[in-house]
Protein backbone atom coordinates (compact mmCIF):
# COMPACT_ATOMS: atom_id res chain seq x y z
CA MET A 1 6.49 -21.78 -5.15
CA MET A 2 3.57 -19.96 -6.20
CA ALA A 3 0.36 -20.55 -4.90
CA ALA A 4 -3.13 -19.11 -5.74
CA SER A 5 -5.44 -18.93 -2.86
CA PRO A 6 -9.55 -19.57 -3.27
CA MET A 7 -11.19 -16.48 -3.16
CA ASN A 8 -13.41 -15.48 -0.33
CA GLU A 9 -16.81 -14.35 -0.01
CA SER A 10 -15.97 -10.75 -1.22
CA MET A 11 -13.67 -12.12 -3.89
CA ILE A 12 -10.77 -10.67 -2.68
CA GLU A 13 -8.09 -12.38 -5.06
CA VAL A 14 -4.63 -13.94 -3.65
CA ARG A 15 -2.04 -14.95 -5.03
CA ARG A 16 0.49 -16.58 -2.59
CA GLY A 17 4.71 -16.56 -2.90
CA ASP A 18 7.23 -17.20 -0.32
CA VAL A 19 9.54 -14.34 -0.90
CA PRO A 20 8.72 -11.03 1.67
CA LEU A 21 8.03 -9.12 -0.72
CA ILE A 22 3.57 -8.03 -1.13
CA VAL A 23 2.08 -6.18 -3.92
CA SER A 24 -1.26 -4.72 -3.84
CA PHE A 25 -3.67 -3.93 -6.84
CA PRO A 26 -6.43 -1.72 -4.71
CA HIS A 27 -8.12 0.07 -7.70
CA THR A 28 -7.61 -2.21 -10.55
CA GLY A 29 -11.31 -3.66 -10.16
CA THR A 30 -13.94 -3.34 -12.62
CA GLU A 31 -16.82 -5.16 -11.19
CA ILE A 32 -19.92 -3.77 -10.01
CA PRO A 33 -22.38 -5.31 -8.08
CA ALA A 34 -25.74 -5.75 -9.76
CA ASP A 35 -27.54 -4.00 -6.38
CA ILE A 36 -24.87 -0.60 -7.00
CA THR A 37 -24.84 -0.40 -10.69
CA GLY A 38 -28.66 0.84 -11.17
CA GLY A 39 -27.53 3.81 -8.79
CA PHE A 40 -24.69 5.36 -10.95
CA LEU A 41 -25.38 7.77 -14.26
CA SER A 42 -23.09 5.82 -15.91
CA PRO A 43 -21.35 2.69 -15.45
CA ALA A 44 -18.98 3.78 -17.94
CA ARG A 45 -18.55 7.02 -15.75
CA ALA A 46 -18.11 4.39 -12.33
CA LEU A 47 -14.46 2.96 -14.17
CA ARG A 48 -13.21 6.46 -15.38
CA ASP A 49 -10.33 6.35 -12.77
CA THR A 50 -9.96 2.67 -12.42
CA ASP A 51 -5.90 2.17 -12.37
CA TRP A 52 -6.15 0.66 -15.51
CA HIS A 53 -4.34 -2.73 -16.30
CA ILE A 54 -1.80 -2.25 -13.48
CA HIS A 55 -2.12 -6.01 -12.48
CA GLU A 56 -1.13 -6.74 -15.71
CA LEU A 57 1.62 -4.20 -16.56
CA TYR A 58 2.97 -5.82 -12.84
CA GLY A 59 2.27 -9.68 -14.67
CA PHE A 60 6.14 -10.33 -13.65
CA VAL A 61 5.81 -10.27 -10.07
CA HIS A 62 4.34 -13.81 -9.53
CA GLY A 63 7.55 -14.88 -11.42
CA LEU A 64 9.76 -13.39 -8.53
CA GLY A 65 7.97 -15.69 -6.10
CA ALA A 66 5.97 -12.20 -4.97
CA THR A 67 2.55 -12.46 -3.33
CA THR A 68 -0.45 -10.58 -4.76
CA VAL A 69 -3.70 -8.97 -3.36
CA ARG A 70 -6.27 -7.44 -5.36
CA THR A 71 -10.23 -6.42 -5.12
CA PRO A 72 -12.07 -6.63 -7.93
CA TRP A 73 -14.30 -4.39 -6.94
CA SER A 74 -14.62 -0.94 -8.38
CA ARG A 75 -13.21 1.71 -6.74
CA SER A 76 -16.90 3.28 -7.46
CA VAL A 77 -18.15 0.75 -5.42
CA ILE A 78 -15.86 1.51 -1.66
CA ASP A 79 -12.09 2.50 -2.43
CA VAL A 80 -9.86 0.47 0.08
CA ASN A 81 -7.19 2.97 -0.10
CA ARG A 82 -9.67 5.42 2.00
CA ASP A 83 -9.72 6.20 6.04
CA PRO A 84 -12.76 4.51 7.22
CA SER A 85 -13.04 7.09 9.40
CA GLY A 86 -13.81 9.69 6.85
CA ALA A 87 -10.94 11.85 7.63
CA SER A 88 -8.92 13.17 4.90
CA LEU A 89 -5.78 11.67 3.51
CA TYR A 90 -4.74 15.36 2.42
CA PRO A 91 -5.98 18.12 4.60
CA GLY A 92 -6.94 20.81 2.33
CA GLN A 93 -6.64 19.37 -0.59
CA ALA A 94 -9.36 18.11 -2.99
CA THR A 95 -9.91 13.87 -2.78
CA THR A 96 -12.50 10.95 -3.39
CA GLU A 97 -14.19 9.35 -0.57
CA LEU A 98 -14.55 5.90 0.84
CA CYS A 99 -17.58 5.42 -1.50
CA PRO A 100 -16.78 8.20 -3.44
CA LEU A 101 -19.96 10.58 -4.78
CA VAL A 102 -17.53 12.32 -7.78
CA THR A 103 -14.63 11.62 -9.91
CA PHE A 104 -11.42 13.15 -10.15
CA ASP A 105 -12.69 15.56 -12.11
CA GLY A 106 -15.68 16.79 -9.73
CA GLU A 107 -18.59 15.03 -12.03
CA PRO A 108 -21.23 13.00 -9.60
CA LEU A 109 -21.47 9.28 -10.14
CA TYR A 110 -25.28 8.68 -8.72
CA ARG A 111 -27.94 9.48 -9.87
CA PRO A 112 -29.81 12.57 -7.61
CA GLY A 113 -31.30 10.64 -4.44
CA ALA A 114 -29.20 7.00 -5.27
CA GLU A 115 -26.16 8.38 -3.47
CA PRO A 116 -25.19 6.00 -0.74
CA ASP A 117 -26.42 7.07 2.97
CA GLY A 118 -24.21 5.82 6.00
CA ALA A 119 -26.25 2.33 6.16
CA GLU A 120 -24.70 1.91 2.76
CA VAL A 121 -21.97 2.91 3.04
CA ALA A 122 -21.19 0.65 6.06
CA ARG A 123 -22.63 -2.26 4.26
CA ARG A 124 -19.99 -1.84 1.56
CA ARG A 125 -17.82 -1.80 3.83
CA ALA A 126 -18.05 -4.90 5.60
CA ALA A 127 -18.31 -6.35 2.61
CA TYR A 128 -15.76 -5.02 0.51
CA PHE A 129 -13.34 -3.09 2.72
CA ASP A 130 -12.88 -5.46 5.41
CA PRO A 131 -12.55 -8.42 3.72
CA PHE A 132 -9.11 -7.02 1.05
CA HIS A 133 -7.50 -5.44 4.30
CA ALA A 134 -8.16 -8.77 6.72
CA SER A 135 -6.03 -10.81 3.45
CA LEU A 136 -3.42 -8.15 3.71
CA ALA A 137 -2.33 -8.24 6.85
CA ALA A 138 -2.76 -12.10 6.89
CA GLU A 139 -0.66 -12.00 3.94
CA VAL A 140 2.17 -9.38 6.15
CA GLU A 141 1.67 -11.68 8.83
CA ARG A 142 2.27 -14.81 6.82
CA LEU A 143 4.85 -13.63 5.86
CA LEU A 144 7.08 -11.59 8.16
CA SER A 145 6.88 -15.06 11.04
CA ARG A 146 9.31 -16.64 7.97
CA HIS A 147 11.18 -14.02 6.81
CA GLY A 148 11.15 -11.46 9.88
CA ARG A 149 11.11 -8.32 6.95
CA VAL A 150 8.40 -8.31 4.12
CA VAL A 151 7.86 -5.11 1.72
CA LEU A 152 4.94 -4.22 0.83
CA TYR A 153 4.50 -2.97 -2.33
CA ASP A 154 0.91 -0.48 -3.32
CA ALA A 155 0.69 -0.34 -7.13
CA HIS A 156 -1.35 2.52 -8.69
CA SER A 157 -1.88 4.65 -11.43
CA ILE A 158 -3.71 7.90 -12.52
CA ARG A 159 -4.15 9.72 -15.26
CA SER A 160 -1.29 12.37 -16.48
CA VAL A 161 -3.66 15.62 -16.04
CA VAL A 162 -6.12 16.13 -13.62
CA PRO A 163 -6.66 19.86 -12.45
CA ARG A 164 -9.42 19.05 -9.87
CA LEU A 165 -6.47 17.02 -7.94
CA PHE A 166 -2.97 18.82 -8.72
CA GLU A 167 -1.38 21.31 -11.50
CA GLY A 168 0.18 21.30 -14.20
CA ARG A 169 1.28 17.17 -15.49
CA LEU A 170 2.20 14.68 -12.74
CA PRO A 171 5.98 12.96 -12.94
CA GLN A 172 5.58 9.68 -14.38
CA PHE A 173 7.08 7.86 -10.80
CA ASN A 174 5.30 9.34 -7.95
CA ILE A 175 6.77 7.10 -4.54
CA GLY A 176 4.59 7.67 -1.29
CA THR A 177 6.23 6.81 2.19
CA TYR A 178 4.19 9.03 4.59
CA GLY A 179 7.01 11.07 4.51
CA GLY A 180 9.01 8.37 5.66
CA ARG A 181 7.40 6.63 7.85
CA SER A 182 5.86 3.82 6.55
CA CYS A 183 9.34 2.44 5.23
CA ALA A 184 13.09 2.80 5.67
CA PRO A 185 14.62 5.37 3.96
CA GLU A 186 17.29 2.86 2.36
CA LEU A 187 14.35 0.86 0.98
CA THR A 188 13.27 4.90 -0.49
CA ALA A 189 16.93 4.84 -2.06
CA ALA A 190 16.41 2.01 -3.70
CA ILE A 191 13.36 2.34 -5.48
CA GLU A 192 14.32 5.55 -6.45
CA ARG A 193 17.22 4.75 -7.77
CA ALA A 194 16.05 2.23 -9.82
CA CYS A 195 13.33 4.73 -11.19
CA ALA A 196 16.17 7.07 -12.12
CA ALA A 197 17.27 4.45 -14.51
CA GLY A 198 14.79 5.29 -17.27
CA PRO A 199 14.23 7.84 -19.21
CA PHE A 200 11.63 9.32 -16.63
CA ASP A 201 10.73 11.81 -14.13
CA GLN A 202 10.04 10.96 -10.47
CA VAL A 203 9.49 12.53 -6.97
CA THR A 204 9.00 10.93 -3.67
CA ASN A 205 6.05 11.93 -1.37
CA GLY A 206 4.87 14.44 -3.46
CA ARG A 207 1.60 14.67 -4.23
CA PHE A 208 0.50 11.56 -3.49
CA LYS A 209 2.69 10.24 -0.03
CA GLY A 210 0.31 6.92 0.34
CA GLY A 211 -2.96 6.56 1.08
CA HIS A 212 -4.76 4.60 3.94
CA ILE A 213 -3.04 1.19 3.00
CA THR A 214 0.35 2.10 3.13
CA ARG A 215 -0.59 4.16 6.42
CA ARG A 216 -1.96 1.41 7.75
CA HIS A 217 0.00 -1.33 7.62
CA GLY A 218 3.17 0.00 7.24
CA ALA A 219 4.91 -0.90 10.79
CA PRO A 220 8.84 -0.27 9.78
CA GLU A 221 9.88 -0.91 13.76
CA ARG A 222 8.47 -4.09 13.06
CA GLY A 223 9.70 -5.31 10.29
CA VAL A 224 6.84 -4.26 7.55
CA HIS A 225 7.98 -1.86 4.88
CA ALA A 226 5.53 -0.25 2.83
CA VAL A 227 5.44 2.06 0.21
CA GLN A 228 2.75 2.86 -2.33
CA MET A 229 4.35 3.76 -6.10
CA GLU A 230 1.40 5.83 -8.52
CA LEU A 231 2.71 6.08 -11.96
CA ALA A 232 1.00 8.26 -14.17
CA ILE A 233 -0.33 6.01 -17.41
CA ARG A 234 1.04 7.87 -20.10
CA GLY A 235 4.42 5.80 -19.45
CA TYR A 236 2.72 2.03 -20.32
CA LEU A 237 -0.57 3.25 -22.18
CA ASP A 238 -2.19 5.74 -24.33
CA GLU A 239 -4.39 7.48 -21.72
CA PRO A 240 -8.42 7.78 -21.97
CA ALA A 241 -10.42 10.72 -22.56
CA GLY A 242 -13.63 10.93 -20.59
CA ASP A 243 -15.68 8.27 -20.51
CA GLU A 244 -13.89 6.04 -23.15
CA PRO A 245 -12.43 2.74 -21.90
CA PRO A 246 -8.40 2.55 -22.64
CA PRO A 247 -6.83 0.41 -25.68
CA ALA A 248 -5.69 -2.77 -23.93
CA PHE A 249 -2.56 -3.64 -22.40
CA ASP A 250 0.45 -3.88 -24.84
CA PRO A 251 3.27 -5.22 -23.25
CA ALA A 252 5.29 -3.90 -25.73
CA ARG A 253 3.89 0.04 -25.46
CA ALA A 254 5.06 -0.52 -21.52
CA ALA A 255 8.36 -1.89 -21.97
CA ALA A 256 10.36 0.75 -21.13
CA LEU A 257 8.23 1.25 -17.85
CA THR A 258 8.30 -2.21 -17.10
CA ASP A 259 12.45 -2.58 -17.64
CA CYS A 260 12.23 0.36 -14.31
CA LEU A 261 9.13 -1.33 -12.68
CA ARG A 262 11.18 -4.50 -12.54
CA GLY A 263 14.19 -2.10 -11.20
CA ALA A 264 12.15 -1.21 -8.51
CA LEU A 265 10.59 -4.39 -7.53
CA ALA A 266 14.28 -6.40 -6.99
CA ALA A 267 15.72 -3.34 -4.81
CA CYS A 268 12.12 -4.07 -2.76
CA LEU A 269 13.69 -7.96 -3.24
CA ALA A 270 16.73 -7.65 -2.07
CA PHE A 271 16.20 -4.86 0.82
CA ALA A 272 13.44 -7.26 2.30
CA THR A 273 16.22 -10.55 2.47
CA ALA A 274 18.99 -8.42 2.98
């Protein structure tokens, strides 16, 4: 049975299912609070690095009985997939902060002098970051108590070419397991097989090895197996350029990729219920 839980004050969206599978959507939000909007150079630029339409691409997971956790807030407000301590997820490589100051391309997000200071970052963390992780942790514990094993699948996408972040063109499927520490190798292998069923390239623990969500909540020794899937946008959408918004989600355009993703999520569920 699928149930939508009431949204909390921070508007974290939780749709509860009964099977031991959780899909998180940390970067699909496009909401920017009114008191923050004025500090940005451009609201359109603030949305440039959104994981466009990912929660629509994975809309089928509710039919599987999976639970979903989504924040509606833009990653430019606060990035719930960054370590709040400020430690880099990828030392020595370009990345963005908990409250990003620049786009993936390195362009400034804020008007000069309007950047969030330490107090503002702390306020946003309490208002938007902590409630997301509390909701996610609560769903993990709810399902773990029922099933003894849970898969947390963290869903993302990014433009295929972002020179500041990586060289060349990103593979279609980028599977991240924190170097094998956030989930069992059998789960990784099952997801890899599902991705290989389509006409797409893939890599495991390449440029994207899993962000804060995967690293914080993945605990295979407890039965919590977390994996991040970073998709190249080209597989389901004509990629936007600059600050232009992307086209609307088209299920037909995304059909081939969706077939592989269905296989990947089915593999997650089979692993969790084995």
